[in-house]
Every structure is written in structure tokens, then in C-alpha cells.
Amino acid sequence: MTKTNNANLAALLLRVSMGILFLAHAGLKTFIFTPAGTAGSSKASAFPVRSPMWLSRRSFPVALR
């Protein structure tokens, strides 16, 4: 194998493993803790939970009226 093939294989392995970890984390939050439980846990720990900026009225004043 050449260095280019090794780099491509390493990048693929990293992307696949991070994708699996992301899906496992999302599944844990959704199916085990439920969205309400996740929000309650964040609120109880005083972790600031804010809506994404693209949901604010200042970003899209016409679309959300």
C-alpha cells in the first residue's frame, strides 16, 4: 500500500467510527433518556440550553410571523 492509500483508509475509518459514535449518542438521548428527560437533566444541572440561532425571530423576521 502507498502512503496515499493509507491516508485515505485512515480518513475513511475515522469518518465511519465518528458517524457510528454520533448515531449511538443520538439514539441514547432519544430512546433511553427521551427528549423530555434530556431537557430536564440539562435544566437541573444549570447547563444553558438555547435554541439554535436560525430559529430566532431576528434571523428570519418575515418567515416566522
C-alpha atoms as a PDB file:
ATOM      1  CA  MET A   1       0.000   0.000   0.000  1.00  0.00           C
ATOM      2  CA  THR A   2       1.151   3.500  -0.693  1.00  0.00           C
ATOM      3  CA  LYS A   3       1.039   6.449   1.666  1.00  0.00           C
ATOM      4  CA  THR A   4      -1.949   7.888  -0.208  1.00  0.00           C
ATOM      5  CA  ASN A   5      -3.930   4.679   0.207  1.00  0.00           C
ATOM      6  CA  ASN A   6      -3.066   4.550   3.908  1.00  0.00           C
ATOM      7  CA  ALA A   7      -4.188   8.147   4.404  1.00  0.00           C
ATOM      8  CA  ASN A   8      -7.451   7.522   2.559  1.00  0.00           C
ATOM      9  CA  LEU A   9      -8.102   4.370   4.567  1.00  0.00           C
ATOM     10  CA  ALA A  10      -7.362   6.178   7.833  1.00  0.00           C
ATOM     11  CA  ALA A  11      -9.710   9.027   6.895  1.00  0.00           C
ATOM     12  CA  LEU A  12     -12.465   6.551   5.990  1.00  0.00           C
ATOM     13  CA  LEU A  13     -12.017   4.667   9.252  1.00  0.00           C
ATOM     14  CA  LEU A  14     -12.161   7.886  11.256  1.00  0.00           C
ATOM     15  CA  ARG A  15     -15.289   9.112   9.452  1.00  0.00           C
ATOM     16  CA  VAL A  16     -17.119   5.810   9.857  1.00  0.00           C
ATOM     17  CA  SER A  17     -16.226   5.492  13.542  1.00  0.00           C
ATOM     18  CA  MET A  18     -17.285   9.089  14.276  1.00  0.00           C
ATOM     19  CA  GLY A  19     -20.555   8.507  12.417  1.00  0.00           C
ATOM     20  CA  ILE A  20     -21.252   5.416  14.495  1.00  0.00           C
ATOM     21  CA  LEU A  21     -20.488   7.316  17.705  1.00  0.00           C
ATOM     22  CA  PHE A  22     -22.779  10.190  16.638  1.00  0.00           C
ATOM     23  CA  LEU A  23     -25.659   7.817  15.892  1.00  0.00           C
ATOM     24  CA  ALA A  24     -25.125   5.937  19.169  1.00  0.00           C
ATOM     25  CA  HIS A  25     -25.178   9.207  21.119  1.00  0.00           C
ATOM     26  CA  ALA A  26     -28.327  10.404  19.342  1.00  0.00           C
ATOM     27  CA  GLY A  27     -30.028   7.062  19.945  1.00  0.00           C
ATOM     28  CA  LEU A  28     -29.128   7.150  23.622  1.00  0.00           C
ATOM     29  CA  LYS A  29     -30.567  10.646  24.061  1.00  0.00           C
ATOM     30  CA  THR A  30     -33.702   9.859  22.040  1.00  0.00           C
ATOM     31  CA  PHE A  31     -34.674   6.335  23.060  1.00  0.00           C
ATOM     32  CA  ILE A  32     -33.196   5.877  26.535  1.00  0.00           C
ATOM     33  CA  PHE A  33     -33.357   9.310  28.161  1.00  0.00           C
ATOM     34  CA  THR A  34     -36.178  10.708  25.952  1.00  0.00           C
ATOM     35  CA  PRO A  35     -36.129  14.349  24.831  1.00  0.00           C
ATOM     36  CA  ALA A  36     -38.008  15.483  27.943  1.00  0.00           C
ATOM     37  CA  GLY A  37     -35.563  13.696  30.227  1.00  0.00           C
ATOM     38  CA  THR A  38     -32.588  15.158  28.395  1.00  0.00           C
ATOM     39  CA  ALA A  39     -34.012  18.682  28.660  1.00  0.00           C
ATOM     40  CA  GLY A  40     -34.854  18.160  32.337  1.00  0.00           C
ATOM     41  CA  SER A  41     -31.366  16.910  33.088  1.00  0.00           C
ATOM     42  CA  SER A  42     -29.812  19.898  31.335  1.00  0.00           C
ATOM     43  CA  LYS A  43     -32.090  22.273  33.211  1.00  0.00           C
ATOM     44  CA  ALA A  44     -31.359  20.641  36.583  1.00  0.00           C
ATOM     45  CA  SER A  45     -27.608  20.924  36.056  1.00  0.00           C
ATOM     46  CA  ALA A  46     -27.915  24.621  35.160  1.00  0.00           C
ATOM     47  CA  PHE A  47     -26.490  23.892  31.708  1.00  0.00           C
ATOM     48  CA  PRO A  48     -27.661  26.682  29.409  1.00  0.00           C
ATOM     49  CA  VAL A  49     -29.951  25.277  26.735  1.00  0.00           C
ATOM     50  CA  ARG A  50     -30.549  27.746  23.940  1.00  0.00           C
ATOM     51  CA  SER A  51     -32.361  27.351  20.679  1.00  0.00           C
ATOM     52  CA  PRO A  52     -30.231  27.497  17.560  1.00  0.00           C
ATOM     53  CA  MET A  53     -29.671  30.928  16.090  1.00  0.00           C
ATOM     54  CA  TRP A  54     -31.542  30.062  12.906  1.00  0.00           C
ATOM     55  CA  LEU A  55     -34.736  29.619  14.954  1.00  0.00           C
ATOM     56  CA  SER A  56     -34.680  33.141  16.358  1.00  0.00           C
ATOM     57  CA  ARG A  57     -37.029  35.843  15.087  1.00  0.00           C
ATOM     58  CA  ARG A  58     -34.111  38.184  14.455  1.00  0.00           C
ATOM     59  CA  SER A  59     -32.625  35.832  11.893  1.00  0.00           C
ATOM     60  CA  PHE A  60     -35.813  35.361   9.839  1.00  0.00           C
ATOM     61  CA  PRO A  61     -38.335  38.039  10.875  1.00  0.00           C
ATOM     62  CA  VAL A  62     -40.646  37.516   7.910  1.00  0.00           C
ATOM     63  CA  ALA A  63     -40.653  33.721   7.755  1.00  0.00           C
ATOM     64  CA  LEU A  64     -41.709  33.209  11.394  1.00  0.00           C
ATOM     65  CA  ARG A  65     -44.610  35.651  11.539  1.00  0.00           C
END
